Amino acid sequence: MLPQRLKKTITDNPKKLANLIDLSNLPSPVREFVGQSQISRLGCFFRVWSYIKENNLQDPNNKNLVNCDEKLRSILLGKPQVELAELPALIKLHFPKVPK
């Protein structure tokens, strides 16, 4: 069952969904982090989120902040701490726009 917001996005603009789920060749830092040469942007985001949860990288005082370890810093532009709201934008930078 999909959330209502996602259903609306899919029906209004199916190309937006395609951008999230299309496989892309990854640059080397992301390839090393993910362990695959190709992954979708959504899949990459889920891998990063899983890594954050597994390694308890969320700030205990403010759950909206992520304290980056060395491995996570390699794909998040070297930032020592990022907000959760920034994650999708930082991950998107590694996925170049495909010309139509």
PDB file of N, CA and C in Angstrom:
ATOM      1  N   MET A   1       0.840  -1.174   0.000  1.00  0.00           N
ATOM      2  CA  MET A   1       0.000   0.000   0.000  1.00  0.00           C
ATOM      3  C   MET A   1       0.889   1.243   0.000  1.00  0.00           C
ATOM      4  N   LEU A   2       0.673   2.103  -0.959  1.00  0.00           N
ATOM      5  CA  LEU A   2       1.477   3.311  -1.088  1.00  0.00           C
ATOM      6  C   LEU A   2       0.830   4.469  -0.345  1.00  0.00           C
ATOM      7  N   PRO A   3       1.667   5.348   0.226  1.00  0.00           N
ATOM      8  CA  PRO A   3       1.112   6.543   0.854  1.00  0.00           C
ATOM      9  C   PRO A   3       0.384   7.401  -0.186  1.00  0.00           C
ATOM     10  N   GLN A   4      -0.610   8.145   0.259  1.00  0.00           N
ATOM     11  CA  GLN A   4      -1.419   8.967  -0.638  1.00  0.00           C
ATOM     12  C   GLN A   4      -0.564   9.955  -1.435  1.00  0.00           C
ATOM     13  N   ARG A   5       0.426  10.544  -0.778  1.00  0.00           N
ATOM     14  CA  ARG A   5       1.287  11.524  -1.444  1.00  0.00           C
ATOM     15  C   ARG A   5       2.064  10.888  -2.595  1.00  0.00           C
ATOM     16  N   LEU A   6       2.548   9.665  -2.378  1.00  0.00           N
ATOM     17  CA  LEU A   6       3.303   8.974  -3.422  1.00  0.00           C
ATOM     18  C   LEU A   6       2.382   8.580  -4.575  1.00  0.00           C
ATOM     19  N   LYS A   7       1.161   8.135  -4.262  1.00  0.00           N
ATOM     20  CA  LYS A   7       0.197   7.792  -5.314  1.00  0.00           C
ATOM     21  C   LYS A   7      -0.074   8.998  -6.204  1.00  0.00           C
ATOM     22  N   LYS A   8      -0.238  10.159  -5.582  1.00  0.00           N
ATOM     23  CA  LYS A   8      -0.514  11.378  -6.339  1.00  0.00           C
ATOM     24  C   LYS A   8       0.670  11.728  -7.243  1.00  0.00           C
ATOM     25  N   THR A   9       1.876  11.590  -6.732  1.00  0.00           N
ATOM     26  CA  THR A   9       3.068  11.884  -7.521  1.00  0.00           C
ATOM     27  C   THR A   9       3.155  10.966  -8.729  1.00  0.00           C
ATOM     28  N   ILE A  10       2.875   9.693  -8.526  1.00  0.00           N
ATOM     29  CA  ILE A  10       2.965   8.718  -9.613  1.00  0.00           C
ATOM     30  C   ILE A  10       1.936   9.016 -10.692  1.00  0.00           C
ATOM     31  N   THR A  11       0.709   9.309 -10.272  1.00  0.00           N
ATOM     32  CA  THR A  11      -0.335   9.554 -11.266  1.00  0.00           C
ATOM     33  C   THR A  11      -0.150  10.898 -11.960  1.00  0.00           C
ATOM     34  N   ASP A  12       0.336  11.915 -11.248  1.00  0.00           N
ATOM     35  CA  ASP A  12       0.521  13.233 -11.847  1.00  0.00           C
ATOM     36  C   ASP A  12       1.733  13.303 -12.767  1.00  0.00           C
ATOM     37  N   ASN A  13       2.801  12.623 -12.396  1.00  0.00           N
ATOM     38  CA  ASN A  13       4.030  12.722 -13.165  1.00  0.00           C
ATOM     39  C   ASN A  13       4.810  11.411 -13.094  1.00  0.00           C
ATOM     40  N   PRO A  14       4.504  10.453 -13.956  1.00  0.00           N
ATOM     41  CA  PRO A  14       5.207   9.158 -13.892  1.00  0.00           C
ATOM     42  C   PRO A  14       6.701   9.256 -14.174  1.00  0.00           C
ATOM     43  N   LYS A  15       7.152  10.302 -14.858  1.00  0.00           N
ATOM     44  CA  LYS A  15       8.582  10.455 -15.129  1.00  0.00           C
ATOM     45  C   LYS A  15       9.357  10.719 -13.843  1.00  0.00           C
ATOM     46  N   LYS A  16       8.718  11.369 -12.873  1.00  0.00           N
ATOM     47  CA  LYS A  16       9.361  11.632 -11.593  1.00  0.00           C
ATOM     48  C   LYS A  16       9.702  10.310 -10.899  1.00  0.00           C
ATOM     49  N   LEU A  17       8.782   9.364 -10.945  1.00  0.00           N
ATOM     50  CA  LEU A  17       9.029   8.054 -10.360  1.00  0.00           C
ATOM     51  C   LEU A  17      10.145   7.340 -11.110  1.00  0.00           C
ATOM     52  N   ALA A  18      10.142   7.462 -12.421  1.00  0.00           N
ATOM     53  CA  ALA A  18      11.181   6.807 -13.222  1.00  0.00           C
ATOM     54  C   ALA A  18      12.564   7.325 -12.840  1.00  0.00           C
ATOM     55  N   ASN A  19      12.671   8.620 -12.540  1.00  0.00           N
ATOM     56  CA  ASN A  19      13.965   9.173 -12.130  1.00  0.00           C
ATOM     57  C   ASN A  19      14.443   8.562 -10.823  1.00  0.00           C
ATOM     58  N   LEU A  20      13.516   8.190  -9.959  1.00  0.00           N
ATOM     59  CA  LEU A  20      13.884   7.603  -8.673  1.00  0.00           C
ATOM     60  C   LEU A  20      14.277   6.135  -8.784  1.00  0.00           C
ATOM     61  N   ILE A  21      13.636   5.398  -9.704  1.00  0.00           N
ATOM     62  CA  ILE A  21      13.844   3.952  -9.719  1.00  0.00           C
ATOM     63  C   ILE A  21      14.719   3.452 -10.869  1.00  0.00           C
ATOM     64  N   ASP A  22      15.108   4.322 -11.803  1.00  0.00           N
ATOM     65  CA  ASP A  22      15.993   3.905 -12.884  1.00  0.00           C
ATOM     66  C   ASP A  22      17.384   3.611 -12.343  1.00  0.00           C
ATOM     67  N   LEU A  23      17.989   2.554 -12.858  1.00  0.00           N
ATOM     68  CA  LEU A  23      19.354   2.219 -12.463  1.00  0.00           C
ATOM     69  C   LEU A  23      20.333   3.187 -13.105  1.00  0.00           C
ATOM     70  N   SER A  24      21.333   3.578 -12.339  1.00  0.00           N
ATOM     71  CA  SER A  24      22.364   4.496 -12.832  1.00  0.00           C
ATOM     72  C   SER A  24      23.735   3.933 -12.501  1.00  0.00           C
ATOM     73  N   ASN A  25      24.698   4.236 -13.368  1.00  0.00           N
ATOM     74  CA  ASN A  25      26.082   3.900 -13.062  1.00  0.00           C
ATOM     75  C   ASN A  25      26.564   4.854 -11.975  1.00  0.00           C
ATOM     76  N   LEU A  26      27.221   4.311 -10.991  1.00  0.00           N
ATOM     77  CA  LEU A  26      27.605   5.113  -9.827  1.00  0.00           C
ATOM     78  C   LEU A  26      29.046   5.587  -9.913  1.00  0.00           C
ATOM     79  N   PRO A  27      29.315   6.802  -9.402  1.00  0.00           N
ATOM     80  CA  PRO A  27      30.704   7.233  -9.277  1.00  0.00           C
ATOM     81  C   PRO A  27      31.399   6.405  -8.203  1.00  0.00           C
ATOM     82  N   SER A  28      32.714   6.358  -8.227  1.00  0.00           N
ATOM     83  CA  SER A  28      33.463   5.442  -7.357  1.00  0.00           C
ATOM     84  C   SER A  28      33.192   5.587  -5.857  1.00  0.00           C
ATOM     85  N   PRO A  29      33.066   6.792  -5.269  1.00  0.00           N
ATOM     86  CA  PRO A  29      32.824   6.824  -3.818  1.00  0.00           C
ATOM     87  C   PRO A  29      31.499   6.156  -3.431  1.00  0.00           C
ATOM     88  N   VAL A  30      30.467   6.389  -4.235  1.00  0.00           N
ATOM     89  CA  VAL A  30      29.159   5.793  -3.933  1.00  0.00           C
ATOM     90  C   VAL A  30      29.196   4.297  -4.229  1.00  0.00           C
ATOM     91  N   ARG A  31      29.902   3.912  -5.278  1.00  0.00           N
ATOM     92  CA  ARG A  31      30.015   2.499  -5.630  1.00  0.00           C
ATOM     93  C   ARG A  31      30.657   1.718  -4.489  1.00  0.00           C
ATOM     94  N   GLU A  32      31.697   2.291  -3.880  1.00  0.00           N
ATOM     95  CA  GLU A  32      32.362   1.633  -2.752  1.00  0.00           C
ATOM     96  C   GLU A  32      31.443   1.563  -1.540  1.00  0.00           C
ATOM     97  N   PHE A  33      30.672   2.620  -1.301  1.00  0.00           N
ATOM     98  CA  PHE A  33      29.766   2.658  -0.151  1.00  0.00           C
ATOM     99  C   PHE A  33      28.655   1.625  -0.307  1.00  0.00           C
ATOM    100  N   VAL A  34      28.043   1.586  -1.490  1.00  0.00           N
ATOM    101  CA  VAL A  34      26.892   0.715  -1.742  1.00  0.00           C
ATOM    102  C   VAL A  34      27.322  -0.724  -2.010  1.00  0.00           C
ATOM    103  N   GLY A  35      28.459  -0.900  -2.642  1.00  0.00           N
ATOM    104  CA  GLY A  35      28.926  -2.243  -2.969  1.00  0.00           C
ATOM    105  C   GLY A  35      28.379  -2.761  -4.280  1.00  0.00           C
ATOM    106  N   GLN A  36      27.835  -1.870  -5.110  1.00  0.00           N
ATOM    107  CA  GLN A  36      27.315  -2.236  -6.427  1.00  0.00           C
ATOM    108  C   GLN A  36      27.750  -1.176  -7.423  1.00  0.00           C
ATOM    109  N   SER A  37      27.768  -1.547  -8.712  1.00  0.00           N
ATOM    110  CA  SER A  37      28.136  -0.568  -9.721  1.00  0.00           C
ATOM    111  C   SER A  37      26.924   0.195 -10.234  1.00  0.00           C
ATOM    112  N   GLN A  38      25.722  -0.393 -10.083  1.00  0.00           N
ATOM    113  CA  GLN A  38      24.497   0.275 -10.498  1.00  0.00           C
ATOM    114  C   GLN A  38      23.450   0.148  -9.406  1.00  0.00           C
ATOM    115  N   ILE A  39      22.702   1.229  -9.191  1.00  0.00           N
ATOM    116  CA  ILE A  39      21.603   1.213  -8.231  1.00  0.00           C
ATOM    117  C   ILE A  39      20.704   2.405  -8.555  1.00  0.00           C
ATOM    118  N   SER A  40      19.467   2.331  -8.139  1.00  0.00           N
ATOM    119  CA  SER A  40      18.565   3.465  -8.331  1.00  0.00           C
ATOM    120  C   SER A  40      18.820   4.496  -7.241  1.00  0.00           C
ATOM    121  N   ARG A  41      18.348   5.704  -7.478  1.00  0.00           N
ATOM    122  CA  ARG A  41      18.526   6.762  -6.486  1.00  0.00           C
ATOM    123  C   ARG A  41      17.779   6.415  -5.207  1.00  0.00           C
ATOM    124  N   LEU A  42      16.595   5.852  -5.356  1.00  0.00           N
ATOM    125  CA  LEU A  42      15.812   5.455  -4.194  1.00  0.00           C
ATOM    126  C   LEU A  42      16.505   4.321  -3.433  1.00  0.00           C
ATOM    127  N   GLY A  43      17.052   3.370  -4.163  1.00  0.00           N
ATOM    128  CA  GLY A  43      17.785   2.276  -3.540  1.00  0.00           C
ATOM    129  C   GLY A  43      19.005   2.770  -2.789  1.00  0.00           C
ATOM    130  N   CYS A  44      19.685   3.745  -3.357  1.00  0.00           N
ATOM    131  CA  CYS A  44      20.860   4.324  -2.701  1.00  0.00           C
ATOM    132  C   CYS A  44      20.448   5.018  -1.412  1.00  0.00           C
ATOM    133  N   PHE A  45      19.349   5.759  -1.460  1.00  0.00           N
ATOM    134  CA  PHE A  45      18.872   6.433  -0.258  1.00  0.00           C
ATOM    135  C   PHE A  45      18.553   5.425   0.836  1.00  0.00           C
ATOM    136  N   PHE A  46      17.900   4.322   0.477  1.00  0.00           N
ATOM    137  CA  PHE A  46      17.578   3.301   1.473  1.00  0.00           C
ATOM    138  C   PHE A  46      18.833   2.662   2.054  1.00  0.00           C
ATOM    139  N   ARG A  47      19.865   2.464   1.230  1.00  0.00           N
ATOM    140  CA  ARG A  47      21.126   1.908   1.725  1.00  0.00           C
ATOM    141  C   ARG A  47      21.776   2.863   2.727  1.00  0.00           C
ATOM    142  N   VAL A  48      21.775   4.150   2.398  1.00  0.00           N
ATOM    143  CA  VAL A  48      22.369   5.145   3.295  1.00  0.00           C
ATOM    144  C   VAL A  48      21.584   5.189   4.602  1.00  0.00           C
ATOM    145  N   TRP A  49      20.258   5.182   4.513  1.00  0.00           N
ATOM    146  CA  TRP A  49      19.421   5.218   5.717  1.00  0.00           C
ATOM    147  C   TRP A  49      19.668   3.976   6.576  1.00  0.00           C
ATOM    148  N   SER A  50      19.766   2.808   5.959  1.00  0.00           N
ATOM    149  CA  SER A  50      20.046   1.573   6.702  1.00  0.00           C
ATOM    150  C   SER A  50      21.392   1.657   7.405  1.00  0.00           C
ATOM    151  N   TYR A  51      22.383   2.202   6.709  1.00  0.00           N
ATOM    152  CA  TYR A  51      23.717   2.355   7.288  1.00  0.00           C
ATOM    153  C   TYR A  51      23.664   3.273   8.509  1.00  0.00           C
ATOM    154  N   ILE A  52      22.916   4.357   8.403  1.00  0.00           N
ATOM    155  CA  ILE A  52      22.779   5.296   9.522  1.00  0.00           C
ATOM    156  C   ILE A  52      22.141   4.602  10.721  1.00  0.00           C
ATOM    157  N   LYS A  53      21.093   3.848  10.481  1.00  0.00           N
ATOM    158  CA  LYS A  53      20.396   3.165  11.572  1.00  0.00           C
ATOM    159  C   LYS A  53      21.259   2.056  12.188  1.00  0.00           C
ATOM    160  N   GLU A  54      21.928   1.258  11.352  1.00  0.00           N
ATOM    161  CA  GLU A  54      22.754   0.158  11.848  1.00  0.00           C
ATOM    162  C   GLU A  54      23.910   0.642  12.715  1.00  0.00           C
ATOM    163  N   ASN A  55      24.469   1.801  12.361  1.00  0.00           N
ATOM    164  CA  ASN A  55      25.638   2.310  13.061  1.00  0.00           C
ATOM    165  C   ASN A  55      25.305   3.393  14.084  1.00  0.00           C
ATOM    166  N   ASN A  56      24.020   3.582  14.378  1.00  0.00           N
ATOM    167  CA  ASN A  56      23.561   4.554  15.370  1.00  0.00           C
ATOM    168  C   ASN A  56      24.197   5.923  15.151  1.00  0.00           C
ATOM    169  N   LEU A  57      24.069   6.446  13.945  1.00  0.00           N
ATOM    170  CA  LEU A  57      24.696   7.720  13.607  1.00  0.00           C
ATOM    171  C   LEU A  57      23.784   8.918  13.825  1.00  0.00           C
ATOM    172  N   GLN A  58      22.523   8.673  14.192  1.00  0.00           N
ATOM    173  CA  GLN A  58      21.652   9.807  14.498  1.00  0.00           C
ATOM    174  C   GLN A  58      22.080  10.423  15.821  1.00  0.00           C
ATOM    175  N   ASP A  59      22.054  11.731  15.876  1.00  0.00           N
ATOM    176  CA  ASP A  59      22.406  12.449  17.099  1.00  0.00           C
ATOM    177  C   ASP A  59      21.381  12.094  18.182  1.00  0.00           C
ATOM    178  N   PRO A  60      21.827  11.613  19.357  1.00  0.00           N
ATOM    179  CA  PRO A  60      20.875  11.216  20.406  1.00  0.00           C
ATOM    180  C   PRO A  60      20.050  12.387  20.955  1.00  0.00           C
ATOM    181  N   ASN A  61      20.588  13.599  20.874  1.00  0.00           N
ATOM    182  CA  ASN A  61      19.864  14.763  21.379  1.00  0.00           C
ATOM    183  C   ASN A  61      18.891  15.342  20.362  1.00  0.00           C
ATOM    184  N   ASN A  62      19.198  15.188  19.078  1.00  0.00           N
ATOM    185  CA  ASN A  62      18.353  15.716  18.013  1.00  0.00           C
ATOM    186  C   ASN A  62      18.318  14.684  16.892  1.00  0.00           C
ATOM    187  N   LYS A  63      17.238  13.934  16.810  1.00  0.00           N
ATOM    188  CA  LYS A  63      17.131  12.845  15.835  1.00  0.00           C
ATOM    189  C   LYS A  63      17.078  13.330  14.385  1.00  0.00           C
ATOM    190  N   ASN A  64      16.953  14.633  14.179  1.00  0.00           N
ATOM    191  CA  ASN A  64      16.959  15.181  12.825  1.00  0.00           C
ATOM    192  C   ASN A  64      18.365  15.400  12.294  1.00  0.00           C
ATOM    193  N   LEU A  65      19.375  15.144  13.102  1.00  0.00           N
ATOM    194  CA  LEU A  65      20.762  15.300  12.682  1.00  0.00           C
ATOM    195  C   LEU A  65      21.441  13.947  12.596  1.00  0.00           C
ATOM    196  N   VAL A  66      22.336  13.829  11.629  1.00  0.00           N
ATOM    197  CA  VAL A  66      23.119  12.611  11.451  1.00  0.00           C
ATOM    198  C   VAL A  66      24.581  12.976  11.622  1.00  0.00           C
ATOM    199  N   ASN A  67      25.265  12.300  12.537  1.00  0.00           N
ATOM    200  CA  ASN A  67      26.704  12.477  12.726  1.00  0.00           C
ATOM    201  C   ASN A  67      27.407  11.516  11.778  1.00  0.00           C
ATOM    202  N   CYS A  68      28.119  12.045  10.809  1.00  0.00           N
ATOM    203  CA  CYS A  68      28.729  11.221   9.762  1.00  0.00           C
ATOM    204  C   CYS A  68      30.051  10.627  10.225  1.00  0.00           C
ATOM    205  N   ASP A  69      30.219   9.335   9.981  1.00  0.00           N
ATOM    206  CA  ASP A  69      31.523   8.722  10.181  1.00  0.00           C
ATOM    207  C   ASP A  69      32.316   8.894   8.885  1.00  0.00           C
ATOM    208  N   GLU A  70      33.526   8.375   8.846  1.00  0.00           N
ATOM    209  CA  GLU A  70      34.403   8.591   7.687  1.00  0.00           C
ATOM    210  C   GLU A  70      33.793   8.019   6.402  1.00  0.00           C
ATOM    211  N   LYS A  71      33.183   6.859   6.487  1.00  0.00           N
ATOM    212  CA  LYS A  71      32.601   6.215   5.307  1.00  0.00           C
ATOM    213  C   LYS A  71      31.431   7.029   4.756  1.00  0.00           C
ATOM    214  N   LEU A  72      30.592   7.522   5.638  1.00  0.00           N
ATOM    215  CA  LEU A  72      29.432   8.310   5.210  1.00  0.00           C
ATOM    216  C   LEU A  72      29.865   9.680   4.682  1.00  0.00           C
ATOM    217  N   ARG A  73      30.895  10.257   5.279  1.00  0.00           N
ATOM    218  CA  ARG A  73      31.410  11.549   4.820  1.00  0.00           C
ATOM    219  C   ARG A  73      31.885  11.483   3.376  1.00  0.00           C
ATOM    220  N   SER A  74      32.390  10.316   2.965  1.00  0.00           N
ATOM    221  CA  SER A  74      32.927  10.186   1.610  1.00  0.00           C
ATOM    222  C   SER A  74      31.852  10.422   0.546  1.00  0.00           C
ATOM    223  N   ILE A  75      30.587  10.159   0.860  1.00  0.00           N
ATOM    224  CA  ILE A  75      29.537  10.375  -0.134  1.00  0.00           C
ATOM    225  C   ILE A  75      28.679  11.599   0.169  1.00  0.00           C
ATOM    226  N   LEU A  76      28.827  12.202   1.337  1.00  0.00           N
ATOM    227  CA  LEU A  76      28.024  13.371   1.701  1.00  0.00           C
ATOM    228  C   LEU A  76      28.867  14.644   1.718  1.00  0.00           C
ATOM    229  N   LEU A  77      29.717  14.778   0.722  1.00  0.00           N
ATOM    230  CA  LEU A  77      30.529  15.972   0.495  1.00  0.00           C
ATOM    231  C   LEU A  77      31.422  16.347   1.665  1.00  0.00           C
ATOM    232  N   GLY A  78      31.825  15.377   2.462  1.00  0.00           N
ATOM    233  CA  GLY A  78      32.748  15.622   3.559  1.00  0.00           C
ATOM    234  C   GLY A  78      32.154  16.321   4.763  1.00  0.00           C
ATOM    235  N   LYS A  79      30.844  16.441   4.817  1.00  0.00           N
ATOM    236  CA  LYS A  79      30.198  17.131   5.939  1.00  0.00           C
ATOM    237  C   LYS A  79      30.248  16.256   7.189  1.00  0.00           C
ATOM    238  N   PRO A  80      30.621  16.831   8.342  1.00  0.00           N
ATOM    239  CA  PRO A  80      30.666  16.037   9.572  1.00  0.00           C
ATOM    240  C   PRO A  80      29.280  15.753  10.155  1.00  0.00           C
ATOM    241  N   GLN A  81      28.309  16.613   9.828  1.00  0.00           N
ATOM    242  CA  GLN A  81      26.959  16.432  10.333  1.00  0.00           C
ATOM    243  C   GLN A  81      25.982  16.982   9.299  1.00  0.00           C
ATOM    244  N   VAL A  82      24.909  16.234   9.035  1.00  0.00           N
ATOM    245  CA  VAL A  82      23.884  16.678   8.085  1.00  0.00           C
ATOM    246  C   VAL A  82      22.508  16.513   8.710  1.00  0.00           C
ATOM    247  N   GLU A  83      21.563  17.293   8.222  1.00  0.00           N
ATOM    248  CA  GLU A  83      20.174  17.140   8.634  1.00  0.00           C
ATOM    249  C   GLU A  83      19.539  16.062   7.771  1.00  0.00           C
ATOM    250  N   LEU A  84      18.547  15.375   8.328  1.00  0.00           N
ATOM    251  CA  LEU A  84      17.866  14.332   7.564  1.00  0.00           C
ATOM    252  C   LEU A  84      17.235  14.901   6.301  1.00  0.00           C
ATOM    253  N   ALA A  85      16.746  16.118   6.363  1.00  0.00           N
ATOM    254  CA  ALA A  85      16.108  16.731   5.203  1.00  0.00           C
ATOM    255  C   ALA A  85      17.098  16.971   4.061  1.00  0.00           C
ATOM    256  N   GLU A  86      18.382  17.066   4.371  1.00  0.00           N
ATOM    257  CA  GLU A  86      19.415  17.289   3.353  1.00  0.00           C
ATOM    258  C   GLU A  86      19.800  16.013   2.617  1.00  0.00           C
ATOM    259  N   LEU A  87      19.576  14.866   3.221  1.00  0.00           N
ATOM    260  CA  LEU A  87      20.065  13.601   2.660  1.00  0.00           C
ATOM    261  C   LEU A  87      19.640  13.365   1.214  1.00  0.00           C
ATOM    262  N   PRO A  88      18.356  13.468   0.870  1.00  0.00           N
ATOM    263  CA  PRO A  88      17.990  13.204  -0.527  1.00  0.00           C
ATOM    264  C   PRO A  88      18.709  14.121  -1.516  1.00  0.00           C
ATOM    265  N   ALA A  89      18.867  15.393  -1.177  1.00  0.00           N
ATOM    266  CA  ALA A  89      19.543  16.323  -2.078  1.00  0.00           C
ATOM    267  C   ALA A  89      21.021  15.980  -2.231  1.00  0.00           C
ATOM    268  N   LEU A  90      21.658  15.575  -1.134  1.00  0.00           N
ATOM    269  CA  LEU A  90      23.082  15.221  -1.204  1.00  0.00           C
ATOM    270  C   LEU A  90      23.297  13.938  -2.001  1.00  0.00           C
ATOM    271  N   ILE A  91      22.379  13.006  -1.874  1.00  0.00           N
ATOM    272  CA  ILE A  91      22.481  11.758  -2.632  1.00  0.00           C
ATOM    273  C   ILE A  91      22.201  12.019  -4.107  1.00  0.00           C
ATOM    274  N   LYS A  92      21.252  12.898  -4.379  1.00  0.00           N
ATOM    275  CA  LYS A  92      20.883  13.214  -5.761  1.00  0.00           C
ATOM    276  C   LYS A  92      22.064  13.775  -6.550  1.00  0.00           C
ATOM    277  N   LEU A  93      22.983  14.447  -5.875  1.00  0.00           N
ATOM    278  CA  LEU A  93      24.148  15.019  -6.563  1.00  0.00           C
ATOM    279  C   LEU A  93      25.010  13.961  -7.250  1.00  0.00           C
ATOM    280  N   HIS A  94      24.945  12.722  -6.782  1.00  0.00           N
ATOM    281  CA  HIS A  94      25.747  11.640  -7.360  1.00  0.00           C
ATOM    282  C   HIS A  94      25.076  10.996  -8.568  1.00  0.00           C
ATOM    283  N   PHE A  95      23.845  11.399  -8.856  1.00  0.00           N
ATOM    284  CA  PHE A  95      23.088  10.826  -9.951  1.00  0.00           C
ATOM    285  C   PHE A  95      22.854  11.902 -11.012  1.00  0.00           C
ATOM    286  N   PRO A  96      23.702  11.945 -12.027  1.00  0.00           N
ATOM    287  CA  PRO A  96      23.568  12.997 -13.048  1.00  0.00           C
ATOM    288  C   PRO A  96      22.262  12.842 -13.819  1.00  0.00           C
ATOM    289  N   LYS A  97      21.735  13.966 -14.238  1.00  0.00           N
ATOM    290  CA  LYS A  97      20.500  13.962 -15.016  1.00  0.00           C
ATOM    291  C   LYS A  97      20.778  13.329 -16.371  1.00  0.00           C
ATOM    292  N   VAL A  98      19.934  12.398 -16.758  1.00  0.00           N
ATOM    293  CA  VAL A  98      20.100  11.678 -18.017  1.00  0.00           C
ATOM    294  C   VAL A  98      19.459  12.500 -19.121  1.00  0.00           C
ATOM    295  N   PRO A  99      20.207  12.803 -20.199  1.00  0.00           N
ATOM    296  CA  PRO A  99      19.598  13.548 -21.303  1.00  0.00           C
ATOM    297  C   PRO A  99      18.537  12.712 -21.995  1.00  0.00           C
ATOM    298  N   LYS A 100      17.487  13.390 -22.426  1.00  0.00           N
ATOM    299  CA  LYS A 100      16.361  12.670 -23.059  1.00  0.00           C
ATOM    300  C   LYS A 100      16.564  12.517 -24.535  1.00  0.00           C
TER     301      LYS A 100
END
